[in-house]
Amino acid sequence: MNKVVAWVRAELVEQAGFPTDVATKGAELACFWRGRFHLAGSATAVTVARATPRLPGGRSWWHRDGLRFRQWAVERHHWPDEAWDAIGELLAQPAPDAFDINWPAHKVFRVVEVPPGARVGDTFVLGDGMGNRVRLIVVERNGQIGIARHEDLGHPLNDLYDQSLREARDLFGTQPEAAT
């Protein structure tokens, strides 16, 4: 565990430019939740640190638009998740936030509005307000026009997260099934 906390702290300092004291507290809060080690929180903190080069202004983003997340790093356990959402929205394809990626197909068909002038086969993109995007398609079912999920476009930080989670698991020394 100590290796993972040290790794998270180092990434926050080196990648995002956090002051050492903020990075230390931020790593501790990200790595532990309710007295238990939290591997996914560790990977998320490293992911948002490694996203820094993708941000407008790079490290300076954490001193302007992202300042609240840097401040929360010393106060809140879920600060990396909140930063993940904000950074995801910033980096994702612009899209209205009108979709929940957890909705089942029947709810998507019933709830998501067909865009004005859209015809069967037309596609469009919606977001969830947390950086996730999905391409939807206008379909006809039993004589009714509605919407269906066409393609999950994912989150702009998924590549960084997957790598960070693999590294965290290696440092922690667990099998993937046991460390989430």
Protein backbone atom coordinates (compact mmCIF):
# COMPACT_ATOMS: atom_id res chain seq x y z
CA MET A 1 0.00 0.00 0.00
CA ASN A 2 2.74 2.46 0.89
CA LYS A 3 4.27 1.97 -2.56
CA VAL A 4 0.96 2.88 -4.19
CA VAL A 5 0.48 5.99 -2.02
CA ALA A 6 4.03 7.12 -2.81
CA TRP A 7 3.43 6.50 -6.52
CA VAL A 8 0.21 8.56 -6.49
CA ARG A 9 1.94 11.40 -4.62
CA ALA A 10 4.86 11.39 -7.07
CA GLU A 11 2.53 11.50 -10.08
CA LEU A 12 0.58 14.42 -8.60
CA VAL A 13 3.81 16.35 -8.05
CA GLU A 14 5.57 15.45 -11.30
CA GLN A 15 2.65 15.41 -13.75
CA ALA A 16 0.18 17.93 -12.34
CA GLY A 17 2.61 20.15 -10.44
CA PHE A 18 0.86 19.80 -7.08
CA PRO A 19 2.85 21.13 -4.11
CA THR A 20 4.26 18.21 -2.10
CA ASP A 21 2.02 18.78 0.92
CA VAL A 22 -1.11 18.87 -1.26
CA ALA A 23 0.03 15.81 -3.23
CA THR A 24 0.71 13.90 -0.01
CA LYS A 25 -2.74 14.57 1.43
CA GLY A 26 -4.40 14.08 -1.96
CA ALA A 27 -2.71 10.69 -2.37
CA GLU A 28 -3.79 9.59 1.09
CA LEU A 29 -7.40 10.64 0.49
CA ALA A 30 -7.49 9.02 -2.95
CA CYS A 31 -5.96 5.74 -1.77
CA PHE A 32 -8.14 5.15 1.29
CA TRP A 33 -11.90 5.17 1.72
CA ARG A 34 -13.65 4.34 4.98
CA GLY A 35 -10.46 2.95 6.43
CA ARG A 36 -9.80 0.58 3.54
CA PHE A 37 -7.35 0.74 0.68
CA HIS A 38 -9.03 1.89 -2.55
CA LEU A 39 -7.09 0.83 -5.64
CA ALA A 40 -9.52 2.41 -8.12
CA GLY A 41 -9.25 5.77 -6.31
CA SER A 42 -5.47 5.52 -6.57
CA ALA A 43 -5.65 4.86 -10.30
CA THR A 44 -8.13 7.70 -10.80
CA ALA A 45 -5.84 10.19 -9.02
CA VAL A 46 -2.91 9.14 -11.22
CA THR A 47 -5.12 9.35 -14.30
CA VAL A 48 -6.17 12.94 -13.66
CA ALA A 49 -2.54 13.85 -12.96
CA ARG A 50 -1.44 12.23 -16.22
CA ALA A 51 -4.20 14.05 -18.10
CA THR A 52 -2.45 17.35 -17.35
CA PRO A 53 -0.68 17.60 -20.73
CA ARG A 54 -4.07 17.25 -22.45
CA LEU A 55 -5.56 20.17 -20.52
CA PRO A 56 -5.66 23.69 -21.95
CA GLY A 57 -2.66 25.36 -20.35
CA GLY A 58 -1.28 22.09 -18.98
CA ARG A 59 -0.17 22.44 -15.35
CA SER A 60 -1.54 25.97 -15.12
CA TRP A 61 -5.08 24.51 -15.45
CA TRP A 62 -4.74 23.22 -11.87
CA HIS A 63 -4.10 26.82 -10.73
CA ARG A 64 -7.05 28.34 -12.62
CA ASP A 65 -10.05 26.30 -13.75
CA GLY A 66 -8.98 23.22 -11.80
CA LEU A 67 -8.03 25.06 -8.62
CA ARG A 68 -11.05 23.76 -6.70
CA PHE A 69 -9.99 20.16 -7.39
CA ARG A 70 -6.47 20.85 -6.18
CA GLN A 71 -7.93 22.42 -3.05
CA TRP A 72 -10.32 19.49 -2.59
CA ALA A 73 -7.33 17.12 -2.75
CA VAL A 74 -6.66 17.99 0.90
CA GLU A 75 -10.31 17.79 1.96
CA ARG A 76 -12.34 15.18 0.06
CA HIS A 77 -11.94 11.45 -0.51
CA HIS A 78 -13.65 11.63 -3.89
CA TRP A 79 -11.66 14.56 -5.26
CA PRO A 80 -10.18 12.44 -8.09
CA ASP A 81 -13.66 11.38 -9.23
CA GLU A 82 -14.83 14.98 -9.31
CA ALA A 83 -11.73 16.03 -11.25
CA TRP A 84 -12.27 13.03 -13.61
CA ASP A 85 -15.77 14.28 -14.44
CA ALA A 86 -14.68 17.87 -15.05
CA ILE A 87 -11.63 16.94 -17.11
CA GLY A 88 -13.68 14.42 -19.07
CA GLU A 89 -16.25 17.05 -19.98
CA LEU A 90 -13.52 19.50 -20.91
CA LEU A 91 -11.78 17.04 -23.25
CA ALA A 92 -14.78 15.18 -24.69
CA GLN A 93 -16.60 15.95 -27.91
CA PRO A 94 -19.08 18.76 -27.23
CA ALA A 95 -22.54 17.27 -26.71
CA PRO A 96 -25.70 18.03 -24.76
CA ASP A 97 -25.76 16.41 -21.31
CA ALA A 98 -29.00 14.52 -21.67
CA PHE A 99 -28.11 10.86 -21.34
CA ASP A 100 -27.39 8.35 -18.59
CA ILE A 101 -25.07 5.59 -19.79
CA ASN A 102 -26.81 3.17 -17.40
CA TRP A 103 -30.22 3.46 -19.02
CA PRO A 104 -31.59 0.22 -20.51
CA ALA A 105 -32.61 0.13 -24.18
CA HIS A 106 -36.35 0.49 -23.50
CA LYS A 107 -35.77 3.66 -21.48
CA VAL A 108 -33.48 5.14 -24.13
CA PHE A 109 -36.18 4.52 -26.75
CA ARG A 110 -38.86 6.07 -24.57
CA VAL A 111 -37.03 8.98 -22.89
CA VAL A 112 -34.44 10.42 -25.27
CA GLU A 113 -36.11 12.88 -27.60
CA VAL A 114 -35.79 12.53 -31.34
CA PRO A 115 -34.02 15.68 -32.58
CA PRO A 116 -36.23 17.99 -34.65
CA GLY A 117 -36.10 17.03 -38.32
CA ALA A 118 -34.28 13.73 -37.65
CA ARG A 119 -35.22 10.67 -39.69
CA VAL A 120 -34.77 6.94 -39.16
CA GLY A 121 -31.07 6.14 -39.51
CA ASP A 122 -29.81 9.58 -38.41
CA THR A 123 -27.24 9.56 -35.63
CA PHE A 124 -26.26 12.10 -33.01
CA VAL A 125 -24.10 12.27 -29.88
CA LEU A 126 -25.18 12.89 -26.29
CA GLY A 127 -23.13 13.13 -23.10
CA ASP A 128 -23.71 12.40 -19.43
CA GLY A 129 -22.06 15.46 -17.88
CA MET A 130 -19.09 13.36 -16.74
CA GLY A 131 -17.16 13.03 -20.00
CA ASN A 132 -18.84 9.90 -21.34
CA ARG A 133 -20.28 10.08 -24.83
CA VAL A 134 -22.61 7.82 -26.76
CA ARG A 135 -23.71 7.88 -30.39
CA LEU A 136 -27.45 7.29 -30.72
CA ILE A 137 -29.51 6.42 -33.77
CA VAL A 138 -33.10 7.19 -34.72
CA VAL A 139 -34.99 3.90 -35.17
CA GLU A 140 -38.48 2.63 -35.83
CA ARG A 141 -39.99 -0.11 -33.65
CA ASN A 142 -43.52 -1.36 -34.14
CA GLY A 143 -44.46 1.78 -36.03
CA GLN A 144 -43.02 4.16 -33.41
CA ILE A 145 -40.00 6.39 -33.90
CA GLY A 146 -37.51 6.49 -31.05
CA ILE A 147 -33.83 6.33 -30.14
CA ALA A 148 -31.42 3.42 -29.70
CA ARG A 149 -27.83 3.25 -28.52
CA HIS A 150 -25.62 2.92 -31.59
CA GLU A 151 -22.06 3.19 -30.27
CA ASP A 152 -20.41 3.92 -26.94
CA LEU A 153 -17.73 6.52 -27.54
CA GLY A 154 -16.34 6.18 -24.03
CA HIS A 155 -14.51 8.70 -21.88
CA PRO A 156 -11.48 10.70 -23.04
CA LEU A 157 -9.41 9.44 -20.09
CA ASN A 158 -10.13 5.71 -20.43
CA ASP A 159 -6.73 5.01 -22.00
CA LEU A 160 -4.89 6.70 -19.13
CA TYR A 161 -7.08 5.00 -16.54
CA ASP A 162 -6.53 1.52 -17.94
CA GLN A 163 -2.76 2.03 -17.82
CA SER A 164 -2.87 3.55 -14.33
CA LEU A 165 -4.99 0.71 -12.98
CA ARG A 166 -2.57 -1.90 -14.38
CA GLU A 167 0.35 -0.09 -12.75
CA ALA A 168 -1.50 0.26 -9.43
CA ARG A 169 -2.29 -3.46 -9.42
CA ASP A 170 1.35 -4.28 -10.16
CA LEU A 171 2.52 -2.06 -7.30
CA PHE A 172 -0.07 -3.44 -4.90
CA GLY A 173 0.74 -6.98 -5.95
CA THR A 174 -2.77 -8.30 -6.53
CA GLN A 175 -4.57 -10.18 -9.25
CA PRO A 176 -6.98 -8.03 -11.32
CA GLU A 177 -10.06 -9.73 -9.85
CA ALA A 178 -8.98 -8.94 -6.29
CA ALA A 179 -8.03 -5.30 -6.78
CA THR A 180 -10.79 -2.97 -7.90
